Amino acid sequence: MADQDPTFQIQRVYLKEASLEQPNSPAILLEQEQPSVDIQIGVEAAPISEGIFEVAVTATVHTKVKDKTVFLVESKQAGIFEIRNLPEDQMGPILGIACPQIVYPYLRGNVADLVQRGGFPPVHLTEINFQALYEQRQVQQAEAPAVAATVQ
């Protein structure tokens, strides 16, 4: 009976990718104008083997003055999770909400550190409501087939 007990364990959290580009340095560093900052966050989950999943949260931070890039940071933080014997209807929320909530603080720290090591004040990513993000994605996926059906 013990093999049927629900299991949710973190196997590992790791930095999967990180890059910092400053294509217009050093000239752009002399600009006095306040830069614009665009931040994009993404979540992806994939099975690795039976009951083992990788969940990754990606951040892209693009800072520009006018049309010139000050810096571009791309970072992906991932976790490997063992998830077994859970009802199928709970898998989506676990992979789309619980796992990203565990991985995201590591991503935030790595992005702030990377930006600071590039010679800039750290960019502190705000907290994210992964439940709201997950629910929004569910609504979009539910509407997508309806839109495709009306286009045909």
Protein backbone atom coordinates (compact mmCIF):
# COMPACT_ATOMS: atom_id res chain seq x y z
CA MET A 1 0.00 0.00 0.00
CA ALA A 2 2.96 2.31 0.62
CA ASP A 3 3.72 2.39 -3.14
CA GLN A 4 0.35 4.07 -3.69
CA ASP A 5 1.00 6.95 -1.29
CA PRO A 6 1.12 10.33 -3.02
CA THR A 7 4.69 11.58 -3.50
CA PHE A 8 5.90 15.12 -4.16
CA GLN A 9 9.63 15.65 -3.68
CA ILE A 10 12.19 18.12 -4.94
CA GLN A 11 15.08 16.16 -6.42
CA ARG A 12 17.19 19.14 -7.50
CA VAL A 13 16.99 22.86 -8.31
CA TYR A 14 19.58 24.16 -10.77
CA LEU A 15 20.50 27.02 -13.08
CA LYS A 16 19.92 25.67 -16.58
CA GLU A 17 20.83 28.74 -18.66
CA ALA A 18 22.09 32.26 -18.03
CA SER A 19 23.36 34.99 -20.30
CA LEU A 20 24.08 38.70 -20.08
CA GLU A 21 24.66 40.79 -23.19
CA GLN A 22 25.78 44.43 -23.29
CA PRO A 23 26.05 45.00 -27.06
CA ASN A 24 26.34 48.80 -26.86
CA SER A 25 28.83 49.08 -23.99
CA PRO A 26 30.69 51.20 -23.11
CA ALA A 27 29.02 54.10 -25.02
CA ILE A 28 25.50 53.31 -23.77
CA LEU A 29 26.74 53.54 -20.17
CA LEU A 30 27.30 57.28 -20.64
CA GLU A 31 23.63 57.89 -21.51
CA GLN A 32 21.81 59.97 -18.91
CA GLU A 33 18.30 59.00 -20.04
CA GLN A 34 16.28 56.60 -17.88
CA PRO A 35 16.16 53.19 -19.58
CA SER A 36 12.97 51.27 -20.29
CA VAL A 37 12.76 47.75 -18.87
CA ASP A 38 10.78 44.89 -20.39
CA ILE A 39 10.48 41.70 -18.35
CA GLN A 40 9.02 38.46 -19.69
CA ILE A 41 8.45 35.34 -17.57
CA GLY A 42 7.72 31.86 -18.89
CA VAL A 43 6.98 28.47 -17.32
CA GLU A 44 7.45 25.08 -18.93
CA ALA A 45 7.11 21.55 -17.61
CA ALA A 46 8.12 18.26 -19.19
CA PRO A 47 8.25 14.63 -18.07
CA ILE A 48 11.76 13.18 -17.81
CA SER A 49 10.79 9.63 -16.89
CA GLU A 50 7.99 7.86 -15.05
CA GLY A 51 6.97 10.13 -12.16
CA ILE A 52 9.91 12.53 -12.70
CA PHE A 53 9.36 16.01 -14.16
CA GLU A 54 11.47 19.02 -15.01
CA VAL A 55 9.84 22.40 -14.41
CA ALA A 56 11.65 25.52 -15.65
CA VAL A 57 10.94 29.20 -15.13
CA THR A 58 12.52 31.58 -17.64
CA ALA A 59 13.09 35.32 -17.28
CA THR A 60 14.10 37.72 -20.03
CA VAL A 61 15.02 41.25 -18.95
CA HIS A 62 15.61 43.67 -21.84
CA THR A 63 16.71 47.18 -20.87
CA LYS A 64 16.90 49.88 -23.55
CA VAL A 65 17.61 53.58 -23.94
CA LYS A 66 15.69 54.78 -27.00
CA ASP A 67 16.18 51.90 -29.45
CA LYS A 68 19.56 50.75 -28.14
CA THR A 69 19.99 47.82 -25.78
CA VAL A 70 21.66 48.62 -22.46
CA PHE A 71 21.61 44.97 -21.41
CA LEU A 72 19.73 41.78 -22.11
CA VAL A 73 19.55 39.04 -19.48
CA GLU A 74 18.10 35.63 -20.21
CA SER A 75 18.01 33.08 -17.43
CA LYS A 76 16.32 29.72 -16.94
CA GLN A 77 16.06 28.12 -13.52
CA ALA A 78 14.82 24.55 -13.39
CA GLY A 79 13.88 21.91 -10.89
CA ILE A 80 13.52 18.16 -11.04
CA PHE A 81 10.51 16.90 -9.12
CA GLU A 82 9.31 13.43 -8.25
CA ILE A 83 5.52 13.39 -8.46
CA ARG A 84 3.73 10.06 -8.12
CA ASN A 85 0.28 8.71 -7.32
CA LEU A 86 -1.54 12.01 -7.57
CA PRO A 87 -4.92 12.32 -9.28
CA GLU A 88 -4.56 13.48 -12.89
CA ASP A 89 -6.60 16.63 -12.22
CA GLN A 90 -3.99 17.74 -9.66
CA MET A 91 -0.98 17.35 -11.96
CA GLY A 92 -1.60 20.58 -13.89
CA PRO A 93 -1.73 22.77 -10.77
CA ILE A 94 1.28 20.99 -9.23
CA LEU A 95 3.40 21.46 -12.37
CA GLY A 96 2.04 24.93 -13.20
CA ILE A 97 1.77 26.48 -9.72
CA ALA A 98 3.56 24.59 -6.92
CA CYS A 99 6.77 23.72 -8.78
CA PRO A 100 7.30 27.21 -10.30
CA GLN A 101 6.77 28.73 -6.83
CA ILE A 102 9.67 26.62 -5.57
CA VAL A 103 12.00 27.40 -8.49
CA TYR A 104 11.23 31.12 -8.94
CA PRO A 105 13.08 32.53 -5.87
CA TYR A 106 16.31 30.99 -7.19
CA LEU A 107 15.69 32.61 -10.58
CA ARG A 108 15.08 36.00 -8.95
CA GLY A 109 18.37 35.81 -7.08
CA ASN A 110 20.32 34.71 -10.14
CA VAL A 111 18.91 37.50 -12.32
CA ALA A 112 19.68 40.16 -9.69
CA ASP A 113 23.21 38.78 -9.27
CA LEU A 114 23.87 38.57 -13.01
CA VAL A 115 22.72 42.14 -13.62
CA GLN A 116 24.80 43.41 -10.70
CA ARG A 117 27.89 41.53 -11.90
CA GLY A 118 27.37 43.29 -15.25
CA GLY A 119 27.94 46.60 -13.46
CA PHE A 120 24.31 47.68 -13.10
CA PRO A 121 22.02 48.11 -10.11
CA PRO A 122 20.31 44.76 -9.52
CA VAL A 123 16.94 44.13 -11.12
CA HIS A 124 14.64 42.60 -8.52
CA LEU A 125 11.92 40.59 -10.21
CA THR A 126 8.60 41.02 -8.44
CA GLU A 127 6.73 38.18 -6.81
CA ILE A 128 4.50 36.29 -9.22
CA ASN A 129 1.09 34.81 -8.52
CA PHE A 130 1.63 31.52 -10.34
CA GLN A 131 -1.94 30.44 -9.59
CA ALA A 132 -3.34 33.46 -11.47
CA LEU A 133 -0.84 32.87 -14.30
CA TYR A 134 -1.85 29.20 -14.50
CA GLU A 135 -5.57 30.04 -14.50
CA GLN A 136 -5.05 32.67 -17.22
CA ARG A 137 -3.20 30.09 -19.36
CA GLN A 138 -6.04 27.59 -18.83
CA VAL A 139 -8.60 30.15 -20.05
CA GLN A 140 -6.46 30.98 -23.10
CA GLN A 141 -6.09 27.29 -23.97
CA ALA A 142 -9.83 26.73 -23.58
CA GLU A 143 -10.59 29.68 -25.86
CA ALA A 144 -7.99 28.76 -28.50
CA PRO A 145 -9.92 25.76 -29.92
CA ALA A 146 -13.10 27.86 -30.01
CA VAL A 147 -11.31 30.55 -32.03
CA ALA A 148 -9.79 27.95 -34.36
CA ALA A 149 -13.23 26.38 -34.89
CA THR A 150 -14.81 29.71 -35.86
CA VAL A 151 -11.98 30.53 -38.30
CA GLN A 152 -12.42 27.32 -40.31
